[in-house]
Amino acid sequence: MGLITQILTLPLAPVRGTVWVLDQVVLTAEREYYDPAPVHEELAALEQQLLDGTIGADEFDSREDELLDRLEWLEAQQRRLRTDS
């Protein structure tokens, strides 16, 4: 940007700053929403339930498949976020 452009667009600086802040808030919220850590914790708890005998192998397999599918989806979303930012 040239000096003239900067001077002419100076009144828009607060708007640009606000937009940047909002972009950062959205990006942080998306990163937290797509965080795979809770799914890893659920997988660990599920395995512990299997070892404790509170769930059977069939239920374990079913829930594990669901969690692994969710984990795969979350990792794809995180890759998308990294390429977008």
N, C-alpha and C. Protein backbone atom coordinates (compact mmCIF):
# COMPACT_ATOMS: atom_id res chain seq x y z
N MET A 1 0.83 -1.18 0.00
CA MET A 1 0.00 0.00 0.00
C MET A 1 0.87 1.24 0.00
N GLY A 2 0.43 2.17 -0.79
CA GLY A 2 1.15 3.43 -0.83
C GLY A 2 0.71 4.33 0.31
N LEU A 3 1.44 5.41 0.46
CA LEU A 3 1.16 6.36 1.53
C LEU A 3 -0.21 6.99 1.36
N ILE A 4 -0.57 7.35 0.14
CA ILE A 4 -1.87 7.97 -0.12
C ILE A 4 -3.00 6.99 0.23
N THR A 5 -2.85 5.73 -0.18
CA THR A 5 -3.87 4.72 0.12
C THR A 5 -4.02 4.54 1.62
N GLN A 6 -2.90 4.51 2.33
CA GLN A 6 -2.97 4.36 3.79
C GLN A 6 -3.68 5.54 4.44
N ILE A 7 -3.41 6.72 3.95
CA ILE A 7 -4.04 7.92 4.53
C ILE A 7 -5.55 7.91 4.23
N LEU A 8 -5.90 7.55 2.99
CA LEU A 8 -7.32 7.56 2.61
C LEU A 8 -8.12 6.47 3.32
N THR A 9 -7.50 5.35 3.61
CA THR A 9 -8.22 4.25 4.26
C THR A 9 -8.03 4.23 5.77
N LEU A 10 -7.38 5.25 6.31
CA LEU A 10 -7.16 5.31 7.76
C LEU A 10 -8.46 5.23 8.56
N PRO A 11 -9.55 5.87 8.12
CA PRO A 11 -10.81 5.74 8.89
C PRO A 11 -11.32 4.29 8.98
N LEU A 12 -10.88 3.42 8.08
CA LEU A 12 -11.33 2.03 8.11
C LEU A 12 -10.47 1.15 9.01
N ALA A 13 -9.42 1.69 9.58
CA ALA A 13 -8.50 0.90 10.42
C ALA A 13 -9.22 0.19 11.56
N PRO A 14 -10.12 0.85 12.29
CA PRO A 14 -10.82 0.13 13.37
C PRO A 14 -11.65 -1.05 12.85
N VAL A 15 -12.23 -0.89 11.66
CA VAL A 15 -13.02 -1.97 11.08
C VAL A 15 -12.10 -3.14 10.73
N ARG A 16 -10.98 -2.84 10.10
CA ARG A 16 -10.03 -3.91 9.75
C ARG A 16 -9.52 -4.61 11.00
N GLY A 17 -9.26 -3.84 12.04
CA GLY A 17 -8.80 -4.44 13.30
C GLY A 17 -9.86 -5.34 13.92
N THR A 18 -11.10 -4.88 13.89
CA THR A 18 -12.21 -5.67 14.43
C THR A 18 -12.39 -6.96 13.64
N VAL A 19 -12.31 -6.86 12.33
CA VAL A 19 -12.44 -8.05 11.48
C VAL A 19 -11.32 -9.04 11.78
N TRP A 20 -10.10 -8.54 11.96
CA TRP A 20 -8.97 -9.41 12.27
C TRP A 20 -9.20 -10.13 13.60
N VAL A 21 -9.65 -9.39 14.61
CA VAL A 21 -9.91 -9.98 15.93
C VAL A 21 -10.99 -11.05 15.82
N LEU A 22 -12.06 -10.76 15.10
CA LEU A 22 -13.13 -11.74 14.93
C LEU A 22 -12.64 -12.98 14.19
N ASP A 23 -11.79 -12.80 13.19
CA ASP A 23 -11.21 -13.95 12.50
C ASP A 23 -10.39 -14.82 13.45
N GLN A 24 -9.64 -14.17 14.33
CA GLN A 24 -8.83 -14.92 15.30
C GLN A 24 -9.71 -15.68 16.29
N VAL A 25 -10.80 -15.06 16.71
CA VAL A 25 -11.72 -15.72 17.65
C VAL A 25 -12.36 -16.94 16.99
N VAL A 26 -12.79 -16.78 15.74
CA VAL A 26 -13.40 -17.90 15.02
C VAL A 26 -12.38 -19.02 14.83
N LEU A 27 -11.16 -18.67 14.46
CA LEU A 27 -10.13 -19.68 14.25
C LEU A 27 -9.83 -20.45 15.54
N THR A 28 -9.75 -19.74 16.66
CA THR A 28 -9.51 -20.39 17.95
C THR A 28 -10.68 -21.29 18.34
N ALA A 29 -11.89 -20.83 18.11
CA ALA A 29 -13.07 -21.64 18.42
C ALA A 29 -13.11 -22.91 17.57
N GLU A 30 -12.76 -22.78 16.29
CA GLU A 30 -12.73 -23.96 15.43
C GLU A 30 -11.67 -24.94 15.88
N ARG A 31 -10.52 -24.44 16.27
CA ARG A 31 -9.45 -25.35 16.75
C ARG A 31 -9.90 -26.11 17.99
N GLU A 32 -10.57 -25.42 18.89
CA GLU A 32 -11.06 -26.09 20.10
C GLU A 32 -12.17 -27.09 19.78
N TYR A 33 -13.06 -26.71 18.88
CA TYR A 33 -14.17 -27.59 18.51
C TYR A 33 -13.67 -28.86 17.82
N TYR A 34 -12.65 -28.71 16.99
CA TYR A 34 -12.13 -29.85 16.24
C TYR A 34 -10.96 -30.54 16.95
N ASP A 35 -10.77 -30.27 18.23
CA ASP A 35 -9.68 -30.88 19.00
C ASP A 35 -9.96 -32.37 19.20
N PRO A 36 -9.02 -33.24 18.81
CA PRO A 36 -9.24 -34.68 18.94
C PRO A 36 -8.98 -35.22 20.36
N ALA A 37 -8.48 -34.41 21.26
CA ALA A 37 -8.14 -34.89 22.61
C ALA A 37 -9.33 -35.53 23.34
N PRO A 38 -10.52 -34.93 23.32
CA PRO A 38 -11.64 -35.59 24.01
C PRO A 38 -11.98 -36.96 23.42
N VAL A 39 -11.81 -37.13 22.12
CA VAL A 39 -12.09 -38.43 21.51
C VAL A 39 -11.05 -39.44 21.97
N HIS A 40 -9.80 -39.02 22.08
CA HIS A 40 -8.76 -39.92 22.60
C HIS A 40 -9.08 -40.34 24.03
N GLU A 41 -9.58 -39.38 24.82
CA GLU A 41 -9.95 -39.69 26.20
C GLU A 41 -11.10 -40.69 26.24
N GLU A 42 -12.09 -40.50 25.35
CA GLU A 42 -13.21 -41.44 25.29
C GLU A 42 -12.75 -42.83 24.88
N LEU A 43 -11.81 -42.89 23.95
CA LEU A 43 -11.27 -44.19 23.53
C LEU A 43 -10.58 -44.89 24.70
N ALA A 44 -9.80 -44.13 25.46
CA ALA A 44 -9.11 -44.71 26.62
C ALA A 44 -10.12 -45.19 27.66
N ALA A 45 -11.16 -44.40 27.91
CA ALA A 45 -12.19 -44.80 28.88
C ALA A 45 -12.94 -46.03 28.39
N LEU A 46 -13.20 -46.09 27.09
CA LEU A 46 -13.89 -47.24 26.51
C LEU A 46 -13.06 -48.51 26.67
N GLU A 47 -11.76 -48.38 26.43
CA GLU A 47 -10.89 -49.55 26.59
C GLU A 47 -10.85 -49.99 28.05
N GLN A 48 -10.85 -49.02 28.96
CA GLN A 48 -10.85 -49.36 30.38
C GLN A 48 -12.14 -50.09 30.76
N GLN A 49 -13.27 -49.66 30.19
CA GLN A 49 -14.53 -50.34 30.46
C GLN A 49 -14.50 -51.78 29.96
N LEU A 50 -13.87 -51.99 28.81
CA LEU A 50 -13.74 -53.34 28.29
C LEU A 50 -12.88 -54.19 29.22
N LEU A 51 -11.78 -53.62 29.67
CA LEU A 51 -10.89 -54.36 30.58
C LEU A 51 -11.55 -54.64 31.93
N ASP A 52 -12.39 -53.71 32.38
CA ASP A 52 -13.10 -53.90 33.65
C ASP A 52 -14.26 -54.87 33.52
N GLY A 53 -14.68 -55.14 32.30
CA GLY A 53 -15.78 -56.05 32.07
C GLY A 53 -17.15 -55.40 32.14
N THR A 54 -17.20 -54.07 32.14
CA THR A 54 -18.49 -53.39 32.22
C THR A 54 -19.20 -53.33 30.88
N ILE A 55 -18.47 -53.55 29.78
CA ILE A 55 -19.09 -53.64 28.46
C ILE A 55 -18.55 -54.87 27.76
N GLY A 56 -19.32 -55.37 26.83
CA GLY A 56 -18.90 -56.54 26.07
C GLY A 56 -18.09 -56.15 24.84
N ALA A 57 -17.54 -57.16 24.20
CA ALA A 57 -16.69 -56.94 23.03
C ALA A 57 -17.48 -56.35 21.87
N ASP A 58 -18.74 -56.76 21.71
CA ASP A 58 -19.55 -56.24 20.60
C ASP A 58 -19.83 -54.74 20.78
N GLU A 59 -20.21 -54.37 21.99
CA GLU A 59 -20.47 -52.95 22.26
C GLU A 59 -19.18 -52.15 22.12
N PHE A 60 -18.07 -52.71 22.59
CA PHE A 60 -16.78 -52.04 22.46
C PHE A 60 -16.46 -51.79 21.00
N ASP A 61 -16.60 -52.82 20.18
CA ASP A 61 -16.30 -52.68 18.75
C ASP A 61 -17.17 -51.61 18.09
N SER A 62 -18.44 -51.61 18.42
CA SER A 62 -19.37 -50.64 17.84
C SER A 62 -19.00 -49.21 18.22
N ARG A 63 -18.80 -48.98 19.50
CA ARG A 63 -18.47 -47.63 19.98
C ARG A 63 -17.09 -47.21 19.53
N GLU A 64 -16.16 -48.16 19.46
CA GLU A 64 -14.81 -47.84 19.00
C GLU A 64 -14.85 -47.39 17.54
N ASP A 65 -15.63 -48.07 16.71
CA ASP A 65 -15.75 -47.68 15.31
C ASP A 65 -16.30 -46.25 15.19
N GLU A 66 -17.32 -45.93 15.99
CA GLU A 66 -17.88 -44.58 15.96
C GLU A 66 -16.83 -43.54 16.36
N LEU A 67 -16.09 -43.83 17.42
CA LEU A 67 -15.08 -42.88 17.89
C LEU A 67 -13.94 -42.74 16.88
N LEU A 68 -13.54 -43.84 16.27
CA LEU A 68 -12.47 -43.75 15.27
C LEU A 68 -12.92 -42.99 14.03
N ASP A 69 -14.18 -43.16 13.65
CA ASP A 69 -14.71 -42.37 12.53
C ASP A 69 -14.72 -40.88 12.88
N ARG A 70 -15.14 -40.58 14.10
CA ARG A 70 -15.15 -39.17 14.55
C ARG A 70 -13.74 -38.62 14.58
N LEU A 71 -12.78 -39.41 15.05
CA LEU A 71 -11.39 -38.98 15.12
C LEU A 71 -10.84 -38.70 13.72
N GLU A 72 -11.17 -39.56 12.79
CA GLU A 72 -10.72 -39.36 11.41
C GLU A 72 -11.31 -38.06 10.84
N TRP A 73 -12.58 -37.81 11.11
CA TRP A 73 -13.23 -36.59 10.64
C TRP A 73 -12.58 -35.36 11.27
N LEU A 74 -12.31 -35.42 12.58
CA LEU A 74 -11.68 -34.30 13.27
C LEU A 74 -10.30 -34.00 12.71
N GLU A 75 -9.52 -35.03 12.44
CA GLU A 75 -8.18 -34.83 11.89
C GLU A 75 -8.26 -34.21 10.50
N ALA A 76 -9.24 -34.60 9.70
CA ALA A 76 -9.42 -34.00 8.38
C ALA A 76 -9.78 -32.52 8.53
N GLN A 77 -10.63 -32.19 9.51
CA GLN A 77 -11.00 -30.80 9.73
C GLN A 77 -9.80 -29.98 10.19
N GLN A 78 -8.95 -30.56 11.02
CA GLN A 78 -7.75 -29.85 11.47
C GLN A 78 -6.79 -29.62 10.32
N ARG A 79 -6.66 -30.59 9.43
CA ARG A 79 -5.80 -30.38 8.24
C ARG A 79 -6.37 -29.25 7.40
N ARG A 80 -7.70 -29.18 7.27
CA ARG A 80 -8.32 -28.10 6.51
C ARG A 80 -8.04 -26.75 7.17
N LEU A 81 -8.12 -26.71 8.49
CA LEU A 81 -7.86 -25.45 9.19
C LEU A 81 -6.42 -25.00 8.99
N ARG A 82 -5.48 -25.93 9.01
CA ARG A 82 -4.08 -25.57 8.82
C ARG A 82 -3.82 -25.04 7.43
N THR A 83 -4.48 -25.59 6.43
CA THR A 83 -4.26 -25.11 5.07
C THR A 83 -4.99 -23.80 4.83
N ASP A 84 -6.09 -23.54 5.55
CA ASP A 84 -6.83 -22.28 5.38
C ASP A 84 -6.15 -21.11 6.08
N SER A 85 -5.42 -21.37 7.15
CA SER A 85 -4.84 -20.26 7.90
C SER A 85 -3.47 -19.88 7.43
